[in-house]
Amino acid sequence: MAHVAQIKIPATYMRGGTSKGVFFSLKDLPDVAQVPGAARDALLLRVIGSPDPYDKQIDGMGGATSSTSKTVILAKSSRQDHDVDYLFGQVSIDKPFVDWSGNCGNLSAAVGSFAISAGLVDPARVPRTGVAVVRIWQANIGKTIIAHVPITDGAVQETGDFELDGVTFPAAEVQLEFMDPAAEEEGGGGSMFPTGNLIDDLEVPGVGTFKATLINAGIPTIFINAQDLGYTGTELQGAINSDPKALAMFETVRAYGALRMGLIKHLDEAAQRQHTPKVAFVARPADYVASSGKAIKAGDVDLLVRALSMGKLHHAMMGTAAVAIGTAAAISGTLVNLAAGGVERNAVRFGHPSGTLRVGAEASQVDGEWVVKKAIMSRSARVLMEGYVRVPGDAF
């Protein structure tokens, strides 16, 4: 029996922040995958190695975690005052779908670097040596991200001494500015707080009723006090991910939170929207030992945060969730702000399973609505491998 041969597609495997993903230039994809739809999704699923009932993604580029089951498609921007259009696809590990509902803040750190190296940025905007300012249009959520990419002798500088908890080796620092990060197209008619409240009583049948801050900033996020869920905020991945009952509880909370935020109209829609919203729990500072063995002291952080992504506790912190944390921390009266001491601030350092992270945001009220002009954080990125990915020619 004859079988269709494999085809090869130009691609680059990159780390951005604490995530990894396969990057493509839109023009390099097969014609049928250059437009949104079933063919594109099928191609990306096959590239990553999903759906995989073994949860290993052995036959693809994925790493069997939410942080490593990711794809990015980039193109020269057709929008004024932008350099590149950035589309992010979160690939499900065990189910046949790609979630396009949100951004990946970690991989955002690699977008500018890839865009420059792939010739998607006007060479006139890239200094011989210095910092290139890359204007990114995040197409999933319709937002602007500004990446400050270091350049040496006309090439992206990837090596350096910037250390990021959750990443083993140091690299060059890439500063990201998430402009106007509050969602506009989601629930709430453009409001950062879709219910109109800084704190809500979130009723979750069969689980309980919890105080919750429901916010659209960076990515839709549900914040709950750790103690209300029976946790301390010092937990590492094993404490949550090895507990099926806990994971089921968090997924139920996520579904009802999505409904309350107006992101879905019916509960059963949550299963097809795994990437958003995120669920996170917060606590006041406390001593703990990070997953690397590093001792984190209560005095090192303003608060503790643990967040779930694609149904599992994240090993560090999603970049978009960090934007939500920084934004909520800047607004007096949210659960995040209260966990951080309840004082006004324009930056916060929080503890996560791999260590600590600092994120800045400035919030203000305009005509009674909370707005944030931008959130700022530093990440790093580098190319891990470049060349071609191969997939069976009849896979999409």
Protein backbone atom coordinates (compact mmCIF):
# COMPACT_ATOMS: atom_id res chain seq x y z
CA MET A 1 0.00 0.00 0.00
CA ALA A 2 1.39 3.40 -1.00
CA HIS A 3 1.62 6.13 1.61
CA VAL A 4 1.93 9.87 1.13
CA ALA A 5 5.49 11.05 1.74
CA GLN A 6 6.43 13.56 4.37
CA ILE A 7 6.73 17.23 3.49
CA LYS A 8 9.08 19.69 5.12
CA ILE A 9 8.19 23.18 6.32
CA PRO A 10 10.68 25.89 7.39
CA ALA A 11 10.43 26.35 11.15
CA THR A 12 12.35 27.51 14.18
CA TYR A 13 12.15 25.97 17.65
CA MET A 14 12.51 28.72 20.25
CA ARG A 15 12.43 29.29 23.96
CA GLY A 16 10.66 32.41 25.08
CA GLY A 17 10.55 33.06 28.83
CA THR A 18 9.63 29.79 30.53
CA SER A 19 7.94 28.32 27.43
CA LYS A 20 9.04 26.66 24.19
CA GLY A 21 7.29 26.60 20.84
CA VAL A 22 7.55 26.05 17.10
CA PHE A 23 7.70 29.33 15.14
CA PHE A 24 6.62 29.74 11.52
CA SER A 25 6.57 32.56 9.01
CA LEU A 26 3.08 32.63 7.56
CA LYS A 27 4.43 32.62 3.99
CA ASP A 28 6.28 29.35 4.62
CA LEU A 29 3.14 27.38 5.55
CA PRO A 30 1.37 25.28 2.90
CA ASP A 31 -1.24 27.35 1.07
CA VAL A 32 -4.22 25.73 2.80
CA ALA A 33 -2.67 26.47 6.21
CA GLN A 34 -2.02 30.13 5.48
CA VAL A 35 -5.61 30.88 6.43
CA PRO A 36 -7.42 30.00 9.67
CA GLY A 37 -9.36 26.78 9.63
CA ALA A 38 -9.33 23.02 9.96
CA ALA A 39 -6.29 22.49 7.72
CA ARG A 40 -4.12 24.86 9.74
CA ASP A 41 -5.22 23.29 13.02
CA ALA A 42 -4.59 19.77 11.72
CA LEU A 43 -1.11 20.74 10.54
CA LEU A 44 -0.12 22.27 13.88
CA LEU A 45 -1.54 19.32 15.79
CA ARG A 46 0.61 16.96 13.71
CA VAL A 47 3.71 19.15 14.11
CA ILE A 48 3.35 19.13 17.91
CA GLY A 49 2.30 15.46 18.10
CA SER A 50 -1.32 15.77 19.23
CA PRO A 51 -3.75 14.41 20.10
CA ASP A 52 -1.72 11.88 22.08
CA PRO A 53 -3.61 9.47 24.38
CA TYR A 54 -0.28 8.67 26.04
CA ASP A 55 0.17 12.39 27.01
CA LYS A 56 3.81 12.31 25.83
CA GLN A 57 3.78 13.89 22.34
CA ILE A 58 6.55 11.47 21.38
CA ASP A 59 5.74 11.74 17.67
CA GLY A 60 6.01 15.52 17.50
CA MET A 61 7.76 18.65 18.72
CA GLY A 62 5.67 19.09 21.86
CA GLY A 63 7.05 18.47 25.32
CA ALA A 64 3.84 17.15 26.90
CA THR A 65 3.22 20.21 29.08
CA SER A 66 1.19 23.35 28.53
CA SER A 67 4.47 25.31 28.43
CA THR A 68 5.86 23.25 25.56
CA SER A 69 2.79 22.49 23.44
CA LYS A 70 2.77 25.81 21.61
CA THR A 71 2.93 27.23 18.10
CA VAL A 72 3.47 30.73 16.70
CA ILE A 73 2.74 32.14 13.24
CA LEU A 74 4.29 35.48 12.25
CA ALA A 75 3.93 37.77 9.26
CA LYS A 76 4.87 41.31 8.27
CA SER A 77 2.22 43.54 9.74
CA SER A 78 -0.35 45.21 7.53
CA ARG A 79 -1.25 47.51 10.42
CA GLN A 80 0.09 51.02 10.67
CA ASP A 81 2.86 51.56 13.21
CA HIS A 82 3.46 47.83 13.70
CA ASP A 83 6.25 45.61 12.43
CA VAL A 84 4.89 42.10 12.79
CA ASP A 85 1.58 40.28 13.28
CA TYR A 86 1.80 37.55 15.92
CA LEU A 87 -0.68 34.68 16.17
CA PHE A 88 -0.40 32.14 18.99
CA GLY A 89 -1.86 28.63 19.00
CA GLN A 90 -2.02 26.64 22.24
CA VAL A 91 -2.13 23.00 21.15
CA SER A 92 -4.04 20.56 23.30
CA ILE A 93 -1.99 17.54 24.31
CA ASP A 94 -4.65 14.84 24.42
CA LYS A 95 -7.50 16.38 22.40
CA PRO A 96 -7.71 17.32 18.70
CA PHE A 97 -7.92 21.08 18.92
CA VAL A 98 -5.85 24.25 18.93
CA ASP A 99 -6.98 27.07 21.23
CA TRP A 100 -6.66 30.51 19.64
CA SER A 101 -8.46 32.41 22.42
CA GLY A 102 -5.47 34.07 24.08
CA ASN A 103 -1.82 35.10 23.96
CA CYS A 104 1.33 33.50 25.35
CA GLY A 105 3.22 36.15 27.28
CA ASN A 106 6.33 34.01 27.58
CA LEU A 107 6.67 33.30 23.86
CA SER A 108 6.02 37.00 23.23
CA ALA A 109 9.64 37.45 24.33
CA ALA A 110 10.82 35.46 21.30
CA VAL A 111 8.60 37.15 18.71
CA GLY A 112 10.80 40.21 18.20
CA SER A 113 13.95 38.10 17.89
CA PHE A 114 12.39 35.77 15.34
CA ALA A 115 10.88 38.66 13.39
CA ILE A 116 14.24 40.39 13.04
CA SER A 117 16.11 37.21 12.08
CA ALA A 118 13.40 36.21 9.58
CA GLY A 119 13.49 39.59 7.83
CA LEU A 120 10.01 40.60 8.94
CA VAL A 121 11.24 43.89 10.41
CA ASP A 122 12.42 46.80 8.25
CA PRO A 123 16.25 46.71 8.46
CA ALA A 124 16.20 50.48 8.95
CA ARG A 125 14.60 49.88 12.37
CA VAL A 126 17.39 47.54 13.51
CA PRO A 127 20.55 49.26 14.79
CA ARG A 128 23.99 47.85 14.09
CA THR A 129 24.50 47.63 17.84
CA GLY A 130 21.99 48.64 20.48
CA VAL A 131 18.33 47.84 21.11
CA ALA A 132 15.76 47.24 18.38
CA VAL A 133 12.23 48.28 19.28
CA VAL A 134 9.85 45.81 17.63
CA ARG A 135 6.17 46.75 17.46
CA ILE A 136 4.10 43.57 17.67
CA TRP A 137 0.40 43.23 16.90
CA GLN A 138 -0.94 40.37 19.00
CA ALA A 139 -3.67 39.11 16.69
CA ASN A 140 -5.38 36.70 19.11
CA ILE A 141 -6.46 39.48 21.46
CA GLY A 142 -6.01 42.59 19.33
CA LYS A 143 -3.30 44.23 21.46
CA THR A 144 0.11 45.83 20.97
CA ILE A 145 3.29 44.48 22.54
CA ILE A 146 6.59 46.36 22.37
CA ALA A 147 9.70 44.18 22.52
CA HIS A 148 13.13 45.67 23.24
CA VAL A 149 15.54 43.28 21.56
CA PRO A 150 19.33 43.62 22.10
CA ILE A 151 21.39 43.73 18.89
CA THR A 152 25.14 43.18 18.46
CA ASP A 153 26.90 43.62 15.11
CA GLY A 154 23.59 43.59 13.28
CA ALA A 155 22.35 40.30 14.78
CA VAL A 156 20.05 39.47 17.67
CA GLN A 157 22.05 39.13 20.89
CA GLU A 158 20.82 35.98 22.63
CA THR A 159 23.53 35.29 25.20
CA GLY A 160 23.84 37.32 28.37
CA ASP A 161 23.72 37.26 32.15
CA PHE A 162 20.00 37.87 32.73
CA GLU A 163 18.62 35.16 34.98
CA LEU A 164 14.96 34.14 34.93
CA ASP A 165 13.59 31.78 37.57
CA GLY A 166 12.22 28.73 35.78
CA VAL A 167 14.97 28.83 33.12
CA THR A 168 18.21 26.97 33.85
CA PHE A 169 20.72 29.12 32.00
CA PRO A 170 21.17 32.92 31.76
CA ALA A 171 20.59 34.78 28.50
CA ALA A 172 20.15 38.30 27.14
CA GLU A 173 17.35 40.36 28.68
CA VAL A 174 14.33 41.25 26.53
CA GLN A 175 12.02 43.85 28.01
CA LEU A 176 8.36 43.60 27.05
CA GLU A 177 5.69 46.27 27.26
CA PHE A 178 2.11 45.04 27.07
CA MET A 179 0.19 48.10 25.93
CA ASP A 180 -3.36 48.71 27.18
CA PRO A 181 -3.52 45.10 28.40
CA ALA A 182 -7.16 45.07 29.53
CA ALA A 183 -9.29 43.05 27.12
CA GLU A 184 -11.84 44.83 24.98
CA GLU A 185 -13.46 42.11 22.95
CA GLU A 186 -14.20 39.79 25.83
CA GLY A 187 -17.03 39.85 28.39
CA GLY A 188 -17.94 43.07 30.13
CA GLY A 189 -18.17 45.23 27.05
CA GLY A 190 -14.57 46.37 27.33
CA SER A 191 -14.36 46.59 31.11
CA MET A 192 -11.25 45.32 32.86
CA PHE A 193 -13.60 43.89 35.50
CA PRO A 194 -16.41 42.25 33.51
CA THR A 195 -18.77 42.03 36.48
CA GLY A 196 -18.07 45.63 37.51
CA ASN A 197 -16.66 44.47 40.86
CA LEU A 198 -13.14 44.21 42.24
CA ILE A 199 -14.23 41.20 44.28
CA ASP A 200 -17.14 38.87 43.55
CA ASP A 201 -18.74 35.94 45.31
CA LEU A 202 -18.16 33.15 42.80
CA GLU A 203 -20.61 30.32 43.36
CA VAL A 204 -19.36 26.97 42.11
CA PRO A 205 -22.03 24.27 42.57
CA GLY A 206 -20.69 21.19 44.28
CA VAL A 207 -17.50 22.99 45.30
CA GLY A 208 -18.39 26.14 47.24
CA THR A 209 -18.67 29.90 47.08
CA PHE A 210 -15.41 31.85 46.95
CA LYS A 211 -14.30 35.45 47.02
CA ALA A 212 -12.80 36.05 43.58
CA THR A 213 -11.26 38.84 41.52
CA LEU A 214 -12.27 38.34 37.88
CA ILE A 215 -10.07 40.43 35.62
CA ASN A 216 -9.40 40.85 31.89
CA ALA A 217 -5.80 42.06 31.68
CA GLY A 218 -3.08 40.24 29.78
CA ILE A 219 -5.37 37.22 29.80
CA PRO A 220 -8.73 36.64 31.50
CA THR A 221 -7.89 35.41 35.00
CA ILE A 222 -9.78 34.22 38.07
CA PHE A 223 -7.96 35.00 41.33
CA ILE A 224 -8.99 33.25 44.56
CA ASN A 225 -7.45 33.28 48.04
CA ALA A 226 -5.33 30.16 48.55
CA GLN A 227 -6.69 29.49 52.03
CA ASP A 228 -10.27 29.43 50.75
CA LEU A 229 -9.27 26.48 48.57
CA GLY A 230 -7.37 24.72 51.34
CA TYR A 231 -3.91 25.75 50.14
CA THR A 232 -1.08 27.92 51.46
CA GLY A 233 0.25 29.42 48.23
CA THR A 234 3.62 27.67 48.71
CA GLU A 235 2.62 24.56 46.72
CA LEU A 236 4.79 23.11 43.95
CA GLN A 237 3.50 21.22 40.91
CA GLY A 238 3.41 17.80 42.57
CA ALA A 239 1.02 18.92 45.28
CA ILE A 240 -1.63 19.84 42.72
CA ASN A 241 -0.93 17.87 39.56
CA SER A 242 -0.80 14.52 41.37
CA ASP A 243 -4.27 15.12 42.82
CA PRO A 244 -7.04 14.31 40.29
CA LYS A 245 -9.74 15.64 42.63
CA ALA A 246 -7.94 18.98 42.93
CA LEU A 247 -7.52 19.28 39.17
CA ALA A 248 -11.21 18.49 38.64
CA MET A 249 -12.12 21.11 41.23
CA PHE A 250 -9.99 23.77 39.55
CA GLU A 251 -11.51 22.96 36.16
CA THR A 252 -15.00 23.34 37.61
CA VAL A 253 -14.02 26.68 39.15
CA ARG A 254 -12.58 27.74 35.80
CA ALA A 255 -15.76 26.84 33.92
CA TYR A 256 -18.05 28.74 36.29
CA GLY A 257 -15.63 31.66 36.33
CA ALA A 258 -15.65 31.77 32.52
CA LEU A 259 -19.44 31.82 32.59
CA ARG A 260 -19.48 34.63 35.16
CA MET A 261 -16.99 36.66 33.10
CA GLY A 262 -19.11 36.31 29.96
CA LEU A 263 -16.41 34.39 28.10
CA ILE A 264 -18.80 31.51 27.44
CA LYS A 265 -22.58 31.25 27.32
CA HIS A 266 -22.89 27.64 28.41
CA LEU A 267 -20.75 25.55 30.76
CA ASP A 268 -19.99 22.89 28.17
CA GLU A 269 -18.19 25.52 26.06
CA ALA A 270 -15.37 25.65 28.63
CA ALA A 271 -13.97 22.34 27.37
CA GLN A 272 -13.28 23.92 23.98
CA ARG A 273 -11.65 26.97 25.56
CA GLN A 274 -8.89 25.46 27.67
CA HIS A 275 -6.37 28.28 27.29
CA THR A 276 -8.61 30.94 28.85
CA PRO A 277 -9.50 31.94 31.46
CA LYS A 278 -6.69 31.09 33.85
CA VAL A 279 -7.23 30.19 37.51
CA ALA A 280 -4.76 31.43 40.11
CA PHE A 281 -4.64 31.43 43.89
CA VAL A 282 -2.88 34.03 46.00
CA ALA A 283 -1.51 34.28 49.53
CA ARG A 284 0.50 36.59 51.75
CA PRO A 285 4.30 36.15 51.68
CA ALA A 286 5.76 33.03 53.32
CA ASP A 287 9.00 31.07 53.24
CA TYR A 288 9.17 28.14 50.82
CA VAL A 289 11.63 26.13 48.73
CA ALA A 290 11.28 26.52 44.97
CA SER A 291 11.32 23.55 42.61
CA SER A 292 15.03 24.14 41.92
CA GLY A 293 15.84 23.87 45.64
CA LYS A 294 16.29 27.63 45.95
CA ALA A 295 15.07 29.04 49.28
CA ILE A 296 12.54 31.84 48.85
CA LYS A 297 12.10 34.00 51.93
CA ALA A 298 8.89 35.84 52.78
CA GLY A 299 10.87 39.07 52.67
CA ASP A 300 11.87 38.39 49.05
CA VAL A 301 8.32 38.78 47.71
CA ASP A 302 5.19 40.89 48.05
CA LEU A 303 2.83 37.92 47.70
CA LEU A 304 2.62 34.32 46.52
CA VAL A 305 0.79 33.22 43.38
CA ARG A 306 0.16 29.79 41.89
CA ALA A 307 -1.62 29.49 38.52
CA LEU A 308 -3.03 26.69 36.40
CA SER A 309 -2.64 26.43 32.63
CA MET A 310 -4.36 23.87 30.41
CA GLY A 311 -5.58 21.99 33.46
CA LYS A 312 -2.29 21.72 35.36
CA LEU A 313 -0.37 23.86 37.84
CA HIS A 314 2.22 25.84 35.88
CA HIS A 315 5.86 25.21 36.71
CA ALA A 316 6.54 28.96 36.95
CA MET A 317 4.14 31.67 35.74
CA MET A 318 2.50 32.38 32.40
CA GLY A 319 3.60 35.77 31.09
CA THR A 320 0.05 36.88 30.39
CA ALA A 321 -1.01 35.85 33.89
CA ALA A 322 1.92 37.89 35.23
CA VAL A 323 0.39 40.90 33.45
CA ALA A 324 -2.91 40.15 35.18
CA ILE A 325 -1.08 39.87 38.52
CA GLY A 326 0.74 43.17 38.05
CA THR A 327 -2.43 44.92 36.95
CA ALA A 328 -4.57 43.58 39.79
CA ALA A 329 -1.82 44.36 42.32
CA ALA A 330 -1.89 47.99 41.20
CA ILE A 331 -5.59 48.34 41.96
CA SER A 332 -6.47 48.75 45.64
CA GLY A 333 -9.16 46.35 46.78
CA THR A 334 -8.51 43.33 44.54
CA LEU A 335 -7.57 40.02 46.14
CA VAL A 336 -4.12 40.30 44.56
CA ASN A 337 -3.60 43.79 45.98
CA LEU A 338 -4.82 42.70 49.42
CA ALA A 339 -2.49 39.69 49.44
CA ALA A 340 0.35 42.08 48.62
CA GLY A 341 -0.44 44.22 51.66
CA GLY A 342 -3.28 46.36 50.36
CA VAL A 343 -1.10 49.36 49.54
CA GLU A 344 -0.85 51.38 46.34
CA ARG A 345 1.98 50.16 44.11
CA ASN A 346 3.18 50.29 40.51
CA ALA A 347 5.26 47.10 40.66
CA VAL A 348 5.06 43.80 42.46
CA ARG A 349 7.40 40.86 43.01
CA PHE A 350 5.59 37.58 43.50
CA GLY A 351 6.68 34.08 44.38
CA HIS A 352 5.82 31.18 42.05
CA PRO A 353 6.82 27.50 42.03
CA SER A 354 10.17 28.16 40.30
CA GLY A 355 11.14 31.33 42.18
CA THR A 356 10.19 34.98 41.86
CA LEU A 357 9.19 37.46 39.16
CA ARG A 358 8.76 41.21 39.09
CA VAL A 359 6.13 42.91 36.95
CA GLY A 360 5.18 46.58 36.80
CA ALA A 361 1.85 48.20 35.97
CA GLU A 362 0.23 51.57 36.60
CA ALA A 363 -3.54 51.75 36.98
CA SER A 364 -5.91 54.71 37.09
CA GLN A 365 -9.61 55.40 36.92
CA VAL A 366 -11.07 57.17 33.91
CA ASP A 367 -14.77 58.02 33.99
CA GLY A 368 -15.23 55.45 36.74
CA GLU A 369 -13.52 52.63 34.82
CA TRP A 370 -10.13 51.18 35.72
CA VAL A 371 -7.54 51.39 32.95
CA VAL A 372 -3.90 50.34 32.66
CA LYS A 373 -1.81 51.90 29.90
CA LYS A 374 0.88 49.23 30.01
CA ALA A 375 2.45 46.43 32.01
CA ILE A 376 6.19 45.82 31.88
CA MET A 377 8.32 42.76 32.56
CA SER A 378 11.63 41.28 31.49
CA ARG A 379 12.10 37.89 29.87
CA SER A 380 14.74 36.22 27.70
CA ALA A 381 14.62 34.16 24.50
CA ARG A 382 16.85 32.16 22.21
CA VAL A 383 16.77 29.89 19.18
CA LEU A 384 17.08 26.22 20.10
CA MET A 385 16.97 24.77 16.58
CA GLU A 386 16.17 25.99 13.10
CA GLY A 387 15.55 24.31 9.78
CA TYR A 388 12.48 22.27 8.87
CA VAL A 389 9.75 20.32 10.59
CA ARG A 390 8.43 17.29 8.72
CA VAL A 391 4.87 15.98 8.68
CA PRO A 392 3.07 13.39 6.57
CA GLY A 393 1.71 15.08 3.47
CA ASP A 394 -1.84 13.88 4.18
CA ALA A 395 -1.88 15.06 7.81
CA PHE A 396 -3.83 18.23 7.08
